[in-house]
Protein backbone atom coordinates (compact mmCIF):
# COMPACT_ATOMS: atom_id res chain seq x y z
CA MET A 1 73.26 27.55 81.63
CA ALA A 2 74.79 29.91 83.70
CA THR A 3 78.75 30.23 83.83
CA LEU A 4 79.56 32.21 87.09
CA THR A 5 82.98 33.94 87.27
CA TYR A 6 83.19 35.17 90.97
CA LEU A 7 86.12 33.83 92.57
CA THR A 8 86.23 30.94 90.62
CA THR A 9 84.11 29.33 87.46
CA THR A 10 80.64 28.03 88.41
CA GLN A 11 78.81 26.05 86.10
CA PHE A 12 75.19 26.39 87.43
CA ASP A 13 71.67 25.00 86.26
CA PHE A 14 70.06 21.55 85.64
CA GLY A 15 72.26 19.37 83.62
CA ALA A 16 75.54 21.24 84.64
CA LEU A 17 76.73 18.02 85.86
CA GLU A 18 77.58 17.21 81.82
CA LEU A 19 80.23 19.99 81.81
CA LEU A 20 82.67 18.15 84.39
CA PRO A 21 84.66 16.26 82.32
CA LYS A 22 85.28 19.80 80.68
CA GLU A 23 86.36 21.38 83.71
CA MET A 24 88.09 18.33 84.53
CA LYS A 25 90.45 19.21 81.39
CA ASN A 26 90.53 22.70 82.15
CA ALA A 27 92.10 22.15 85.36
CA GLY A 28 94.23 19.19 84.60
CA ILE A 29 92.91 16.46 86.08
CA THR A 30 93.26 12.76 84.16
CA LYS A 31 93.35 10.59 87.47
CA PRO A 32 90.60 11.50 89.71
CA PHE A 33 89.82 10.75 92.82
CA ILE A 34 86.16 11.19 94.80
CA ALA A 35 85.67 12.10 98.17
CA THR A 36 81.95 11.53 98.89
CA ASP A 37 80.19 9.72 101.69
CA ALA A 38 78.52 6.59 101.86
CA GLY A 39 74.75 8.04 101.65
CA LEU A 40 75.54 9.40 98.11
CA VAL A 41 76.81 6.31 97.09
CA LYS A 42 73.31 4.56 98.36
CA VAL A 43 71.26 6.45 96.65
CA GLY A 44 72.86 5.89 93.13
CA ILE A 45 74.53 9.70 92.84
CA VAL A 46 77.92 8.67 92.96
CA GLU A 47 77.37 6.38 90.04
CA LYS A 48 76.03 8.96 88.23
CA VAL A 49 79.07 11.49 88.86
CA LEU A 50 81.26 8.34 87.50
CA ALA A 51 79.13 8.22 84.08
CA ALA A 52 79.19 11.62 84.01
CA MET A 53 82.92 11.93 84.43
CA GLY A 54 83.68 9.31 81.45
CA VAL A 55 86.53 7.42 83.57
CA ASP A 56 86.77 5.15 86.38
CA ALA A 57 88.06 6.27 89.55
CA PRO A 58 88.64 5.46 92.74
CA VAL A 59 86.05 6.41 95.70
CA PHE A 60 86.47 7.30 99.51
CA ASP A 61 82.99 7.11 101.00
CA GLU A 62 83.81 7.65 104.40
CA THR A 63 83.59 11.11 105.28
CA PRO A 64 81.91 11.84 108.72
CA GLY A 65 79.15 14.48 109.42
CA ASN A 66 81.79 16.60 111.06
CA PRO A 67 85.00 15.70 108.91
CA THR A 68 87.76 14.80 110.93
CA GLU A 69 91.45 14.41 110.76
CA GLU A 70 91.37 10.64 111.02
CA ALA A 71 89.23 10.51 107.80
CA VAL A 72 91.41 13.00 105.89
CA LYS A 73 94.83 10.77 106.64
CA LYS A 74 92.69 7.78 105.68
CA ALA A 75 91.32 9.30 102.36
CA LEU A 76 94.95 10.57 101.39
CA ALA A 77 96.27 7.55 101.68
CA GLN A 78 94.10 6.17 99.43
CA TYR A 79 94.49 9.27 97.00
CA LYS A 80 98.41 8.58 97.17
CA ALA A 81 98.15 4.74 96.42
CA ALA A 82 96.24 5.07 93.71
CA GLY A 83 98.13 7.91 91.95
CA CYS A 84 95.66 10.03 91.28
CA ASP A 85 96.15 13.74 90.62
CA GLY A 86 93.04 15.82 91.13
CA ILE A 87 89.90 15.44 93.38
CA ILE A 88 86.05 15.30 92.71
CA ALA A 89 84.51 16.66 96.27
CA LEU A 90 80.95 15.75 95.82
CA GLY A 91 78.63 15.80 98.40
CA GLY A 92 77.82 18.57 101.16
CA GLY A 93 80.02 20.26 103.26
CA SER A 94 81.40 17.73 104.98
CA SER A 95 83.00 16.05 101.78
CA MET A 96 84.05 19.18 99.94
CA ASP A 97 85.69 20.18 103.47
CA LEU A 98 87.52 16.76 103.42
CA GLY A 99 88.19 16.81 100.03
CA LYS A 100 89.73 20.47 100.13
CA ALA A 101 92.32 18.78 103.49
CA VAL A 102 93.45 15.96 101.20
CA GLY A 103 94.06 18.41 98.40
CA LEU A 104 96.24 20.13 100.54
CA LEU A 105 98.10 17.42 102.68
CA ALA A 106 98.24 16.10 99.07
CA ALA A 107 100.41 19.09 97.41
CA SER A 108 101.65 20.76 100.70
CA GLY A 109 102.30 18.01 103.37
CA GLY A 110 101.29 17.51 107.01
CA PRO A 111 100.40 17.91 109.58
CA LEU A 112 97.27 19.87 108.95
CA GLU A 113 97.53 22.31 112.02
CA GLN A 114 100.73 23.67 110.33
CA TYR A 115 97.91 25.95 108.11
CA ASP A 116 96.20 27.35 111.00
CA PRO A 117 95.14 31.07 110.06
CA LEU A 118 95.26 32.21 113.33
CA GLN A 119 99.09 31.37 113.70
CA GLY A 120 100.09 32.47 110.10
CA GLY A 121 99.83 29.13 108.35
CA ALA A 122 99.23 30.34 105.15
CA ARG A 123 102.89 30.92 104.56
CA ASN A 124 103.58 27.10 104.74
CA ILE A 125 101.05 26.68 102.12
CA LYS A 126 103.26 24.96 98.88
CA GLY A 127 100.13 24.18 96.77
CA MET A 128 97.03 22.88 96.46
CA THR A 129 95.89 19.51 94.48
CA PRO A 130 93.53 20.78 91.85
CA LEU A 131 89.93 20.18 92.84
CA ILE A 132 86.54 20.33 91.38
CA ALA A 133 83.48 20.54 93.95
CA VAL A 134 80.29 19.28 92.98
CA PRO A 135 77.60 19.84 95.98
CA THR A 136 74.39 17.44 96.58
CA THR A 137 73.11 20.16 99.02
CA SER A 138 72.32 23.74 99.33
CA GLY A 139 74.05 25.10 102.22
CA THR A 140 77.68 25.23 102.88
CA GLY A 141 78.84 26.88 99.62
CA SER A 142 81.93 25.22 100.11
CA GLU A 143 81.83 24.45 96.49
CA VAL A 144 83.14 28.59 95.89
CA SER A 145 84.68 29.15 99.32
CA VAL A 146 87.88 29.84 100.95
CA GLY A 147 87.88 27.88 103.68
CA PHE A 148 87.02 24.22 105.03
CA VAL A 149 87.00 23.18 108.37
CA ILE A 150 87.97 19.94 110.16
CA ILE A 151 88.06 18.33 113.78
CA LEU A 152 91.95 17.73 114.32
CA GLU A 153 93.18 14.76 116.58
CA ASP A 154 93.64 16.97 119.75
CA GLY A 155 89.49 18.00 119.50
CA ARG A 156 89.87 20.99 118.04
CA LYS A 157 87.06 21.96 115.39
CA MET A 158 89.72 24.07 112.99
CA THR A 159 88.84 26.77 110.17
CA PHE A 160 91.38 26.95 107.31
CA ALA A 161 91.16 29.82 105.37
CA SER A 162 93.12 30.56 102.08
CA PRO A 163 92.82 31.48 98.27
CA HIS A 164 94.70 28.47 97.66
CA PHE A 165 91.19 26.57 98.78
CA ILE A 166 88.80 27.61 96.05
CA PRO A 167 88.34 24.71 94.02
CA LYS A 168 89.32 25.29 90.42
CA ALA A 169 85.81 25.06 89.24
CA ALA A 170 82.24 24.40 91.00
CA ILE A 171 79.50 22.09 89.27
CA CYS A 172 76.21 23.28 90.90
CA ASP A 173 73.54 21.07 89.55
CA PRO A 174 70.18 21.56 91.53
CA GLU A 175 69.07 18.08 90.38
CA LEU A 176 71.45 16.59 92.27
CA THR A 177 69.89 17.92 95.44
CA MET A 178 66.32 16.85 94.14
CA GLY A 179 66.01 13.91 96.76
CA LEU A 180 67.21 15.88 99.69
CA PRO A 181 65.00 15.13 102.89
CA ALA A 182 62.91 18.06 104.12
CA MET A 183 64.84 17.90 107.70
CA MET A 184 68.42 18.32 105.62
CA THR A 185 67.14 20.88 103.30
CA ALA A 186 65.83 22.99 106.14
CA ALA A 187 69.10 22.84 108.07
CA THR A 188 71.31 23.10 105.03
CA GLY A 189 68.94 25.98 103.78
CA MET A 190 69.36 27.98 107.08
CA ASP A 191 73.14 27.38 106.45
CA ALA A 192 72.87 29.33 103.57
CA ILE A 193 70.96 32.05 104.95
CA THR A 194 72.93 32.30 108.02
CA HIS A 195 76.39 32.52 105.96
CA CYS A 196 74.34 35.63 103.85
CA ILE A 197 73.53 37.39 107.17
CA GLU A 198 76.57 36.90 108.87
CA ALA A 199 78.75 37.82 105.75
CA PHE A 200 76.98 40.97 105.24
CA LEU A 201 77.20 42.49 108.85
CA THR A 202 80.44 41.53 109.32
CA PRO A 203 82.04 45.04 109.10
CA ASN A 204 84.96 44.37 106.89
CA VAL A 205 84.69 46.51 103.47
CA ASN A 206 83.40 44.56 100.63
CA PRO A 207 80.36 46.04 99.08
CA PRO A 208 80.08 44.03 95.96
CA ALA A 209 79.97 40.91 98.50
CA GLU A 210 77.36 42.76 100.37
CA GLY A 211 75.11 42.94 97.35
CA VAL A 212 75.45 39.26 96.73
CA ALA A 213 74.33 38.30 100.37
CA LEU A 214 71.63 40.35 100.00
CA ASP A 215 70.27 38.89 97.12
CA GLY A 216 71.05 35.52 97.99
CA LEU A 217 68.92 36.22 101.46
CA TRP A 218 66.34 37.41 99.58
CA ARG A 219 66.09 33.73 97.34
CA GLY A 220 66.45 31.91 100.84
CA MET A 221 63.78 33.58 102.43
CA GLN A 222 61.43 33.52 99.44
CA TYR A 223 62.34 29.72 98.38
CA LEU A 224 63.41 27.85 101.59
CA PRO A 225 59.80 26.97 102.80
CA ARG A 226 58.90 25.71 99.43
CA ALA A 227 62.08 23.50 98.96
CA VAL A 228 61.19 21.98 102.46
CA LYS A 229 57.48 21.43 101.63
CA ASP A 230 57.97 20.19 98.41
CA GLY A 231 61.54 18.63 97.57
CA SER A 232 60.30 18.21 94.10
CA ASP A 233 59.91 22.37 93.58
CA ARG A 234 62.47 22.85 91.12
CA ASP A 235 62.27 26.06 90.75
CA ALA A 236 62.79 26.48 94.63
CA ARG A 237 65.66 23.66 94.43
CA TRP A 238 67.30 26.30 91.78
CA HIS A 239 67.27 29.16 93.85
CA MET A 240 68.05 27.21 97.25
CA MET A 241 71.44 26.50 95.01
CA MET A 242 71.92 29.94 94.06
CA CYS A 243 71.13 30.69 97.63
CA SER A 244 73.82 28.57 99.22
CA THR A 245 76.83 29.87 96.44
CA GLU A 246 75.93 33.15 96.69
CA GLY A 247 76.09 32.85 100.55
CA ALA A 248 79.87 31.60 100.03
CA PHE A 249 80.61 34.44 97.31
CA ALA A 250 79.80 36.54 99.82
CA PHE A 251 81.65 35.24 103.40
CA VAL A 252 84.73 35.96 101.46
CA LYS A 253 84.27 39.17 103.87
CA GLY A 254 84.11 36.93 106.59
CA LEU A 255 81.79 35.25 109.30
CA GLY A 256 80.60 35.76 112.70
CA ALA A 257 79.62 34.67 116.27
CA VAL A 258 77.15 32.37 114.91
CA HIS A 259 79.64 30.43 113.12
CA ALA A 260 82.04 30.69 116.20
CA MET A 261 79.37 28.91 118.41
CA SER A 262 78.22 26.23 115.63
CA HIS A 263 81.92 25.27 115.37
CA ALA A 264 82.50 25.03 118.99
CA ALA A 265 79.24 22.89 119.53
CA GLY A 266 80.17 21.09 116.20
CA ARG A 267 83.04 19.36 117.93
CA ILE A 268 81.15 17.76 120.65
CA ARG A 269 82.04 14.22 119.41
CA ARG A 270 79.07 12.37 121.18
CA LEU A 271 76.74 14.27 119.57
CA ASN A 272 78.14 14.98 115.78
CA PRO A 273 75.39 17.80 115.65
CA HIS A 274 74.53 18.76 111.89
CA HIS A 275 76.32 22.06 111.06
CA GLY A 276 73.52 24.38 109.26
CA THR A 277 70.93 23.22 112.49
CA LEU A 278 73.42 24.63 114.84
CA ASN A 279 73.18 27.72 112.84
CA ALA A 280 69.68 28.02 112.52
CA VAL A 281 69.19 27.78 116.29
CA PHE A 282 72.16 30.31 117.28
CA LEU A 283 71.30 32.83 114.90
CA PRO A 284 68.07 34.63 116.19
CA GLU A 285 70.50 35.55 119.86
CA VAL A 286 73.33 36.66 117.52
CA LEU A 287 70.95 39.11 115.52
CA ARG A 288 69.74 40.13 119.22
CA PHE A 289 72.87 40.83 120.41
CA ASN A 290 74.31 42.65 117.12
CA GLU A 291 71.39 44.57 116.89
CA SER A 292 72.54 47.84 118.34
CA VAL A 293 75.46 48.34 116.41
CA CYS A 294 74.11 47.40 113.12
CA GLU A 295 71.00 49.58 112.86
CA GLU A 296 71.73 50.95 109.43
CA LYS A 297 72.06 47.50 107.93
CA TYR A 298 69.28 45.69 109.80
CA VAL A 299 67.33 48.23 107.50
CA ARG A 300 68.70 46.44 104.39
CA LEU A 301 68.21 43.07 105.98
CA ARG A 302 64.87 43.83 106.56
CA GLN A 303 64.12 45.00 103.11
CA ALA A 304 65.95 41.78 101.45
CA MET A 305 64.30 39.67 104.10
CA GLY A 306 60.28 41.08 103.06
CA LEU A 307 60.08 42.59 106.26
CA GLU A 308 57.99 45.51 107.54
CA PRO A 309 60.12 48.34 108.72
CA GLY A 310 61.40 48.12 112.02
CA ALA A 311 60.24 44.23 112.27
CA ASP A 312 62.37 41.98 114.99
CA ILE A 313 64.73 40.13 112.11
CA ALA A 314 65.78 37.90 115.17
CA GLN A 315 62.12 36.75 115.85
CA ALA A 316 61.57 36.50 111.81
CA ILE A 317 64.11 33.91 111.94
CA ALA A 318 62.73 31.91 114.69
CA ASP A 319 59.30 31.95 113.22
CA LEU A 320 61.05 30.83 109.84
CA ASN A 321 63.11 27.83 112.16
CA ALA A 322 59.55 26.60 114.08
CA GLN A 323 57.98 26.78 110.12
CA ILE A 324 60.28 24.68 108.32
CA GLY A 325 61.36 22.15 111.49
CA ILE A 326 64.84 23.29 112.81
CA PRO A 327 64.78 22.18 116.77
CA SER A 328 63.34 24.52 119.23
CA GLY A 329 67.00 25.00 120.83
CA LEU A 330 70.18 23.32 122.01
CA ALA A 331 68.57 21.18 124.49
CA GLU A 332 66.92 19.39 121.69
CA MET A 333 69.67 18.94 120.06
CA GLY A 334 71.55 16.95 122.96
CA ILE A 335 73.58 19.85 124.49
CA VAL A 336 73.60 20.13 127.95
CA GLU A 337 74.85 22.36 130.49
CA SER A 338 78.25 20.22 130.99
CA ASP A 339 79.03 21.48 127.11
CA ILE A 340 78.68 25.15 127.81
CA ALA A 341 82.03 25.95 129.39
CA GLU A 342 83.62 24.26 126.38
CA MET A 343 81.60 25.81 123.86
CA VAL A 344 82.22 29.03 125.28
CA GLU A 345 86.21 28.41 125.50
CA TYR A 346 86.22 27.33 121.64
CA SER A 347 83.58 30.12 120.58
CA LEU A 348 86.48 32.55 121.99
CA LYS A 349 89.26 31.07 119.94
CA ASP A 350 87.50 30.42 116.68
CA LEU A 351 88.56 32.28 113.50
CA ALA A 352 84.96 33.44 112.69
CA ALA A 353 84.39 35.27 116.03
CA ARG A 354 86.72 38.12 114.70
CA GLY A 355 84.48 38.87 111.97
CA ASN A 356 81.29 39.38 114.40
CA PRO A 357 80.29 43.13 114.54
CA ARG A 358 80.27 43.54 118.22
CA LYS A 359 82.86 41.87 120.09
CA ALA A 360 81.83 39.16 122.22
CA SER A 361 83.19 38.31 125.82
CA ALA A 362 83.12 35.22 127.31
CA GLU A 363 80.36 36.13 128.94
CA ASP A 364 78.69 37.17 126.04
CA PHE A 365 79.30 34.22 124.67
CA GLU A 366 77.99 32.35 127.34
CA ALA A 367 74.39 34.33 127.53
CA MET A 368 73.84 33.77 124.02
CA ILE A 369 74.71 29.78 124.29
CA ARG A 370 72.22 29.50 127.33
CA ALA A 371 69.56 31.59 125.81
CA SER A 372 69.62 29.53 122.66
CA MET A 373 69.44 26.11 124.99
């Protein structure tokens, strides 16, 4: 069992779920509330977690694929009605993000928009309900991250970021990912790889985080095809969960244009597109856009990715996408011409756009979106 103490305490290995009661005690959680989704109830993972906890707990299983303020409010009402004092956020990034939002509102009050980091919202945070994250996918890294993303009632997909939002502990048990379908393995895995790449390229100075990003990237490139091909490959599942966790450790540095566009596209309600899939589709074009200002870092990216000197990194990602079954472009995901203008508008406003190593204009975002169609 590995205990990682970077940003928070992370219990990592097959069997880590057994340590959940210990971490609940350390966090002071005696009346837990589980934030999850219906799929995990159906496949028995919620039951497994309840058994590991050793106590009963109310379960909110209505987390949308892209969590909304409406769902957060519904979960918050259930949390308060049950008199809970802590949250177990169980699932992929959506459940963990929803759990964080519930924890923020329970301790600091609403509305959510007052915590917008672009408007100095961190000063309004009064506290955060104790939260332990238990990921069941290998992609988002929300179990150790400073942020969460929610679609507000006015349609904005907002990124919230503060050290307050780092869970008290993370339980990373690769066993919980063993039943993940190939397409979800591919999409979440590309989310993790994108985190590693964007965090590394962000110009903020944090060499330790860059080292973690490159290690995570190496694992992702080596083991994602294996995990997609054979979901029972325990070694591949272990390394992909580590890639995911390391990607989030690294993006304390920030993210970039890939995430800005993915957040913008993710707010298209009629589609509810998967975040990791969007990242995968946008990543090649952003790598092409950034190359002129990242030549030295691209040398190190090629090394971590196992590529030859001078190799086309964007093409390598495009080839990986094709190998693991990622859609060929945005059009295949249902995005159409009439969506582009709003995607450009929201990309420019997104917090992640500030971290891109090359400043992107409205024209740049439009060009990258069209090239990704």
